[in-house]
């Protein structure tokens, strides 16, 4: 692929991390530094302070060459990120999506609010203030709407944060009215909600229970995205908040057409149950949702992929690499089999994200 096509990239999913939890100490009060030291985080998951997959705990699922020579974890060294990704891949803008640490799944909600706020302050201080190409995702504690609104009040007006961010796995389906104050604030702010796969609800990741293998759970991330899209649409979120925009990060998108077909079919039969929906479900989905590209579904026949992208809409797909994780999509090779037109390439790799996030 030519340099002309790869110039001006907007990468919508970059994962920064701390070198150690002590990196957050400057942003925590003495009370919560003591709490962290004496009790540690207590999340809604099998292991209180580690992921469900021990093999991932060393580098957080990073590619082997992404660990910096300094020895800090992959994603923790900004100069190395510039050297390995931002500069050679000609990234004009990159949207940060912190995964760990965060306080979103903390059982102690007061501690979760403080830890989440510290992560946002750390993003602003250690990343956004040091590298103008990087933009932040304002992390919100989904289960505590009051805390989420306080965080939006603190940082929502900062142009360096281009979206507010929640995780899909929670205590209830995302369309429930307990979460509507977050939607209302995001709509008023004029910034999209970014929803990255993951979260620690403490419950099984699938509707049928716990998976035996990682490959099962990895696929179930797409099922979780379908569930939250269904919940938000059917509960009437977009009738109440008609200007709300939602970005689904790392959840795929070729499932969108079949979900729309099924929901429309059921709505035609059962619409008397949901009189608050004035339009077919597919119309809300087409209007209000965007999707990042990584991990790209890759059928054997590229024409099938093009058919799905035609249906989803060429203005709704945003390029992402997932740097520094092992399933990183190299912009030099992503979508190469599809033989994109110059206009399609510009939309996918730059213009769609620039327009959505207001990047100049």
Protein backbone atom coordinates (compact mmCIF):
# COMPACT_ATOMS: atom_id res chain seq x y z
CA UNK A 1 0.00 0.00 0.00
CA UNK A 2 1.35 3.42 -0.91
CA UNK A 3 2.57 5.99 1.58
CA UNK A 4 -0.09 8.35 0.25
CA UNK A 5 -2.83 5.99 1.41
CA UNK A 6 -1.35 5.35 4.85
CA UNK A 7 -0.73 9.02 5.67
CA UNK A 8 -2.96 10.82 8.12
CA UNK A 9 -4.15 7.75 10.02
CA UNK A 10 -6.65 7.99 12.90
CA UNK A 11 -6.27 4.95 15.19
CA UNK A 12 -9.40 4.59 17.34
CA UNK A 13 -8.11 2.03 19.86
CA UNK A 14 -4.73 2.39 21.58
CA UNK A 15 -4.21 0.89 25.03
CA UNK A 16 -1.96 2.74 27.48
CA UNK A 17 -1.08 1.26 30.84
CA UNK A 18 0.78 2.22 34.00
CA UNK A 19 4.27 1.01 34.82
CA UNK A 20 2.95 0.16 38.29
CA UNK A 21 -0.09 1.05 40.39
CA UNK A 22 2.09 3.63 42.17
CA UNK A 23 1.84 5.74 38.98
CA UNK A 24 -1.66 6.68 40.14
CA UNK A 25 -0.57 7.83 43.62
CA UNK A 26 -0.21 11.50 42.60
CA UNK A 27 -3.89 11.47 41.63
CA UNK A 28 -5.24 9.66 44.74
CA UNK A 29 -5.98 11.12 48.17
CA UNK A 30 -4.17 9.73 51.20
CA UNK A 31 -7.30 7.79 52.13
CA UNK A 32 -7.40 5.89 48.87
CA UNK A 33 -3.65 5.40 48.65
CA UNK A 34 -3.89 3.75 52.05
CA UNK A 35 -6.87 1.70 50.95
CA UNK A 36 -4.99 0.50 47.89
CA UNK A 37 -1.96 -0.39 49.96
CA UNK A 38 -3.82 -2.19 52.75
CA UNK A 39 -6.71 -3.84 50.95
CA UNK A 40 -6.09 -3.61 47.22
CA UNK A 41 -8.76 -3.59 44.53
CA UNK A 42 -11.75 -5.91 44.89
CA UNK A 43 -13.45 -6.40 41.55
CA UNK A 44 -16.50 -8.36 40.43
CA UNK A 45 -14.53 -11.23 38.94
CA UNK A 46 -13.05 -14.57 39.89
CA UNK A 47 -9.64 -13.20 40.88
CA UNK A 48 -9.71 -9.95 42.83
CA UNK A 49 -6.55 -8.39 41.45
CA UNK A 50 -5.81 -10.27 38.21
CA UNK A 51 -7.52 -11.17 34.97
CA UNK A 52 -9.41 -14.40 34.46
CA UNK A 53 -6.65 -15.65 32.17
CA UNK A 54 -3.36 -16.05 34.12
CA UNK A 55 -1.40 -16.32 30.85
CA UNK A 56 -2.45 -12.73 30.12
CA UNK A 57 -1.36 -11.28 33.43
CA UNK A 58 2.29 -10.71 32.57
CA UNK A 59 1.83 -8.34 29.64
CA UNK A 60 -1.91 -7.83 29.46
CA UNK A 61 -2.21 -9.68 26.16
CA UNK A 62 0.48 -7.61 24.40
CA UNK A 63 2.43 -8.64 21.33
CA UNK A 64 5.88 -9.91 22.21
CA UNK A 65 7.80 -7.08 20.53
CA UNK A 66 5.74 -4.34 22.24
CA UNK A 67 7.49 -4.63 25.60
CA UNK A 68 9.87 -1.64 25.72
CA UNK A 69 13.62 -2.11 26.26
CA UNK A 70 13.21 -0.23 29.54
CA UNK A 71 11.43 -3.29 30.94
CA UNK A 72 8.14 -1.56 31.75
CA UNK A 73 4.89 -3.18 30.58
CA UNK A 74 3.80 -2.87 26.96
CA UNK A 75 1.84 0.34 26.51
CA UNK A 76 3.52 2.12 29.42
CA UNK A 77 6.37 3.85 27.58
CA UNK A 78 5.25 6.84 25.47
CA UNK A 79 8.62 7.37 23.67
CA UNK A 80 8.64 3.69 22.68
CA UNK A 81 5.02 3.93 21.49
CA UNK A 82 6.04 6.86 19.30
CA UNK A 83 8.98 4.88 17.92
CA UNK A 84 7.11 1.63 17.30
CA UNK A 85 3.65 2.80 16.29
CA UNK A 86 2.79 6.51 16.07
CA UNK A 87 5.71 7.60 13.88
CA UNK A 88 6.25 4.66 11.48
CA UNK A 89 2.49 4.20 10.94
CA UNK A 90 2.02 7.95 10.41
CA UNK A 91 -0.71 8.27 13.04
CA UNK A 92 -2.17 11.78 13.07
CA UNK A 93 -4.48 11.00 15.99
CA UNK A 94 -4.85 8.06 18.34
CA UNK A 95 -7.72 7.51 20.76
CA UNK A 96 -6.61 6.04 24.09
CA UNK A 97 -8.69 3.33 25.73
CA UNK A 98 -7.32 2.45 29.20
CA UNK A 99 -8.29 -1.06 30.27
CA UNK A 100 -6.17 -1.70 33.34
CA UNK A 101 -6.13 -0.30 35.87
CA UNK A 102 -9.61 1.14 36.23
CA UNK A 103 -12.16 1.30 39.01
CA UNK A 104 -15.18 0.58 36.86
CA UNK A 105 -15.75 -2.92 38.23
CA UNK A 106 -14.81 -2.20 41.85
CA UNK A 107 -17.28 -3.50 44.43
CA UNK A 108 -16.48 -0.60 46.73
CA UNK A 109 -18.07 2.12 44.61
CA UNK A 110 -16.44 5.01 46.47
CA UNK A 111 -13.03 3.50 45.81
CA UNK A 112 -14.05 2.77 42.23
CA UNK A 113 -14.99 6.41 41.70
CA UNK A 114 -11.65 7.58 43.08
CA UNK A 115 -9.60 5.07 41.07
CA UNK A 116 -11.46 5.88 37.85
CA UNK A 117 -10.93 9.59 38.41
CA UNK A 118 -7.22 8.92 39.00
CA UNK A 119 -6.98 7.05 35.69
CA UNK A 120 -8.55 10.02 33.89
CA UNK A 121 -6.17 12.47 35.58
CA UNK A 122 -3.26 10.16 34.71
CA UNK A 123 -4.36 10.10 31.05
CA UNK A 124 -4.50 13.90 31.01
CA UNK A 125 -1.16 14.36 32.73
CA UNK A 126 1.04 11.52 31.51
CA UNK A 127 -0.29 11.10 27.96
CA UNK A 128 -2.50 13.85 26.58
CA UNK A 129 -0.27 16.58 27.97
CA UNK A 130 2.84 14.97 26.51
CA UNK A 131 1.68 13.90 23.05
CA UNK A 132 -0.67 16.10 21.04
CA UNK A 133 -1.58 13.29 18.66
CA UNK A 134 -3.23 11.30 21.45
CA UNK A 135 -6.81 11.87 22.58
CA UNK A 136 -8.44 10.41 25.67
CA UNK A 137 -11.51 8.36 26.54
CA UNK A 138 -13.13 9.66 29.71
CA UNK A 139 -13.65 6.53 31.81
CA UNK A 140 -16.93 6.39 33.75
CA UNK A 141 -18.15 4.18 36.58
CA UNK A 142 -21.25 2.81 34.91
CA UNK A 143 -22.94 1.44 38.05
CA UNK A 144 -22.77 4.79 39.87
CA UNK A 145 -24.44 7.39 37.68
CA UNK A 146 -23.71 10.16 40.19
CA UNK A 147 -19.99 9.42 40.06
CA UNK A 148 -20.12 9.28 36.26
CA UNK A 149 -21.74 12.71 36.10
CA UNK A 150 -19.15 14.16 38.48
CA UNK A 151 -16.41 12.86 36.20
CA UNK A 152 -18.09 14.39 33.16
CA UNK A 153 -18.28 17.69 35.04
CA UNK A 154 -14.54 17.50 35.78
CA UNK A 155 -13.20 16.61 32.34
CA UNK A 156 -16.07 16.62 29.86
CA UNK A 157 -15.24 20.07 28.52
CA UNK A 158 -11.59 19.16 27.85
CA UNK A 159 -11.16 18.82 24.06
CA UNK A 160 -8.41 16.28 24.65
CA UNK A 161 -11.09 13.81 25.78
CA UNK A 162 -13.03 12.98 22.62
CA UNK A 163 -15.47 10.45 24.05
CA UNK A 164 -16.89 9.18 27.33
CA UNK A 165 -16.37 5.49 27.93
CA UNK A 166 -18.24 2.68 29.67
CA UNK A 167 -17.85 -1.10 29.47
CA UNK A 168 -20.54 -3.47 28.18
CA UNK A 169 -20.58 -6.04 30.99
CA UNK A 170 -22.50 -4.61 33.93
CA UNK A 171 -25.11 -5.47 36.52
CA UNK A 172 -28.02 -4.80 34.15
CA UNK A 173 -28.56 -4.40 30.38
CA UNK A 174 -27.21 -1.05 29.26
CA UNK A 175 -30.52 0.32 28.02
CA UNK A 176 -32.07 0.35 31.51
CA UNK A 177 -33.14 3.75 32.80
CA UNK A 178 -30.66 3.65 35.69
CA UNK A 179 -27.99 4.44 33.06
CA UNK A 180 -29.92 7.19 31.28
CA UNK A 181 -28.31 10.07 33.22
CA UNK A 182 -25.01 9.08 31.57
CA UNK A 183 -26.63 9.14 28.13
CA UNK A 184 -28.24 12.49 28.83
CA UNK A 185 -24.92 14.02 29.90
CA UNK A 186 -23.08 12.60 26.88
CA UNK A 187 -25.72 13.95 24.50
CA UNK A 188 -25.58 17.37 26.13
CA UNK A 189 -21.79 17.30 25.92
CA UNK A 190 -21.94 16.45 22.22
CA UNK A 191 -19.43 13.62 22.56
CA UNK A 192 -20.00 9.97 21.64
CA UNK A 193 -20.04 7.12 24.11
CA UNK A 194 -17.25 4.61 23.47
CA UNK A 195 -18.00 1.06 24.57
CA UNK A 196 -14.96 -1.22 24.56
CA UNK A 197 -15.43 -4.96 25.00
CA UNK A 198 -14.85 -6.19 28.53
CA UNK A 199 -15.93 -5.35 32.02
CA UNK A 200 -16.24 -7.34 35.22
CA UNK A 201 -19.85 -7.86 36.26
CA UNK A 202 -19.02 -10.98 38.27
CA UNK A 203 -21.39 -12.99 36.09
CA UNK A 204 -20.64 -15.46 33.31
CA UNK A 205 -19.71 -13.78 30.02
CA UNK A 206 -22.31 -15.73 28.02
CA UNK A 207 -26.04 -16.33 28.47
CA UNK A 208 -25.38 -20.07 28.85
CA UNK A 209 -22.67 -19.87 31.53
CA UNK A 210 -18.90 -20.00 31.81
CA UNK A 211 -16.76 -20.94 28.83
CA UNK A 212 -14.27 -23.80 28.80
CA UNK A 213 -11.83 -22.07 26.47
CA UNK A 214 -10.56 -18.60 25.76
CA UNK A 215 -11.52 -18.92 22.10
CA UNK A 216 -15.16 -19.28 23.22
CA UNK A 217 -15.04 -16.21 25.43
CA UNK A 218 -13.19 -14.18 22.82
CA UNK A 219 -16.07 -14.77 20.42
CA UNK A 220 -18.64 -13.99 23.13
CA UNK A 221 -17.49 -10.35 23.11
CA UNK A 222 -19.48 -9.92 19.87
CA UNK A 223 -22.54 -11.47 21.53
CA UNK A 224 -22.26 -8.96 24.38
CA UNK A 225 -22.19 -6.10 21.87
CA UNK A 226 -25.32 -7.43 20.19
CA UNK A 227 -27.05 -7.64 23.55
CA UNK A 228 -26.26 -4.04 24.51
CA UNK A 229 -27.30 -2.73 21.08
CA UNK A 230 -30.60 -4.60 21.43
CA UNK A 231 -31.14 -3.29 24.96
CA UNK A 232 -30.43 0.34 24.08
CA UNK A 233 -32.70 0.26 21.04
CA UNK A 234 -35.63 -1.67 22.52
CA UNK A 235 -35.61 0.27 25.82
CA UNK A 236 -36.07 3.46 23.81
CA UNK A 237 -32.75 5.16 24.54
CA UNK A 238 -32.59 6.81 21.13
CA UNK A 239 -36.17 8.07 21.23
CA UNK A 240 -35.28 9.82 24.47
CA UNK A 241 -31.79 10.93 23.31
CA UNK A 242 -32.02 11.41 19.52
CA UNK A 243 -28.55 12.97 19.18
CA UNK A 244 -26.67 10.28 21.12
CA UNK A 245 -23.83 8.57 19.24
CA UNK A 246 -22.27 5.25 20.28
CA UNK A 247 -18.95 3.70 19.21
CA UNK A 248 -18.54 -0.06 19.67
CA UNK A 249 -14.83 -0.76 20.12
CA UNK A 250 -13.26 -4.13 19.32
CA UNK A 251 -16.57 -5.96 18.94
CA UNK A 252 -16.64 -6.56 15.19
CA UNK A 253 -19.46 -5.45 12.92
CA UNK A 254 -20.44 -8.10 10.34
CA UNK A 255 -23.12 -9.31 12.78
CA UNK A 256 -24.97 -5.99 12.40
CA UNK A 257 -27.06 -6.86 9.31
CA UNK A 258 -28.41 -10.15 10.69
CA UNK A 259 -29.20 -8.56 14.07
CA UNK A 260 -31.11 -5.79 12.31
CA UNK A 261 -33.06 -8.25 10.17
CA UNK A 262 -34.09 -10.30 13.19
CA UNK A 263 -35.03 -7.30 15.34
CA UNK A 264 -37.08 -5.76 12.54
CA UNK A 265 -38.93 -9.04 12.03
CA UNK A 266 -39.80 -9.33 15.72
CA UNK A 267 -40.72 -5.65 15.98
CA UNK A 268 -43.25 -5.98 13.16
CA UNK A 269 -44.99 -8.78 15.08
CA UNK A 270 -44.59 -7.48 18.65
CA UNK A 271 -44.55 -3.71 18.19
CA UNK A 272 -47.60 -3.28 20.44
CA UNK A 273 -45.35 -4.21 23.37
CA UNK A 274 -42.98 -1.32 22.65
CA UNK A 275 -45.15 1.59 21.49
CA UNK A 276 -42.34 4.00 22.44
CA UNK A 277 -40.40 2.81 19.35
CA UNK A 278 -41.56 4.98 16.46
CA UNK A 279 -39.30 3.35 13.88
CA UNK A 280 -37.92 -0.08 13.03
CA UNK A 281 -34.93 -1.13 15.19
CA UNK A 282 -32.61 -1.17 12.17
CA UNK A 283 -33.20 2.54 11.63
CA UNK A 284 -31.96 3.42 15.12
CA UNK A 285 -28.94 1.14 14.68
CA UNK A 286 -28.00 2.63 11.32
CA UNK A 287 -28.25 6.17 12.71
CA UNK A 288 -26.66 5.92 16.15
CA UNK A 289 -23.87 3.30 16.08
CA UNK A 290 -20.29 3.31 14.79
CA UNK A 291 -17.83 0.38 14.85
CA UNK A 292 -14.06 0.09 15.07
CA UNK A 293 -12.41 -2.27 12.62
CA UNK A 294 -10.19 -4.44 14.81
CA UNK A 295 -10.64 -7.39 15.02
CA UNK A 296 -11.73 -7.48 11.39
CA UNK A 297 -13.84 -10.47 10.39
CA UNK A 298 -12.16 -11.97 7.34
CA UNK A 299 -14.32 -14.34 5.25
CA UNK A 300 -12.67 -16.45 2.58
CA UNK A 301 -14.41 -14.48 -0.16
CA UNK A 302 -13.65 -10.72 0.19
CA UNK A 303 -16.92 -9.92 -1.58
CA UNK A 304 -18.84 -11.11 1.47
CA UNK A 305 -16.96 -8.61 3.60
CA UNK A 306 -17.74 -5.83 1.14
CA UNK A 307 -21.43 -6.77 1.21
CA UNK A 308 -21.47 -6.43 5.00
CA UNK A 309 -19.67 -3.09 4.87
CA UNK A 310 -22.09 -1.82 2.24
CA UNK A 311 -24.98 -2.68 4.53
CA UNK A 312 -23.44 -1.27 7.72
CA UNK A 313 -22.41 1.91 5.90
CA UNK A 314 -19.00 3.13 4.78
CA UNK A 315 -19.34 6.15 7.05
CA UNK A 316 -19.85 4.00 10.17
CA UNK A 317 -16.58 2.04 10.31
CA UNK A 318 -13.52 3.46 12.08
CA UNK A 319 -10.01 2.09 11.74
CA UNK A 320 -8.28 0.76 14.86
CA UNK A 321 -5.12 -1.23 15.55
CA UNK A 322 -5.58 -2.39 19.18
CA UNK A 323 -1.93 -1.48 19.84
CA UNK A 324 -0.03 -3.00 21.68
CA UNK A 325 -2.12 -6.18 21.90
CA UNK A 326 -1.28 -9.45 20.20
CA UNK A 327 -4.08 -9.16 17.62
CA UNK A 328 -2.81 -5.75 16.44
CA UNK A 329 -3.95 -4.82 12.91
CA UNK A 330 -1.13 -3.28 10.89
CA UNK A 331 -2.53 -0.36 8.84
CA UNK A 332 -0.26 -1.31 5.96
CA UNK A 333 -2.09 -4.60 5.50
CA UNK A 334 -5.56 -4.13 7.01
CA UNK A 335 -8.35 -4.44 4.43
CA UNK A 336 -5.71 -5.10 1.74
CA UNK A 337 -7.68 -8.01 0.22
CA UNK A 338 -10.71 -5.77 -0.36
CA UNK A 339 -9.09 -3.50 -2.98
CA UNK A 340 -10.66 -0.38 -1.52
CA UNK A 341 -11.23 2.69 -3.65
CA UNK A 342 -9.33 5.82 -2.66
CA UNK A 343 -12.55 7.33 -1.26
CA UNK A 344 -13.38 4.23 0.78
CA UNK A 345 -9.85 4.13 2.16
CA UNK A 346 -9.97 7.77 3.25
CA UNK A 347 -13.27 7.23 5.03
CA UNK A 348 -12.16 4.10 6.89
CA UNK A 349 -8.67 5.20 7.88
CA UNK A 350 -9.25 8.87 8.61
CA UNK A 351 -12.35 10.83 7.66
CA UNK A 352 -15.03 8.87 9.55
CA UNK A 353 -13.18 9.18 12.85
CA UNK A 354 -12.14 12.78 12.23
CA UNK A 355 -15.75 13.75 11.61
CA UNK A 356 -17.15 11.78 14.54
CA UNK A 357 -14.61 13.05 17.07
CA UNK A 358 -14.18 16.53 15.66
CA UNK A 359 -10.45 16.07 14.96
CA UNK A 360 -8.78 18.78 12.91
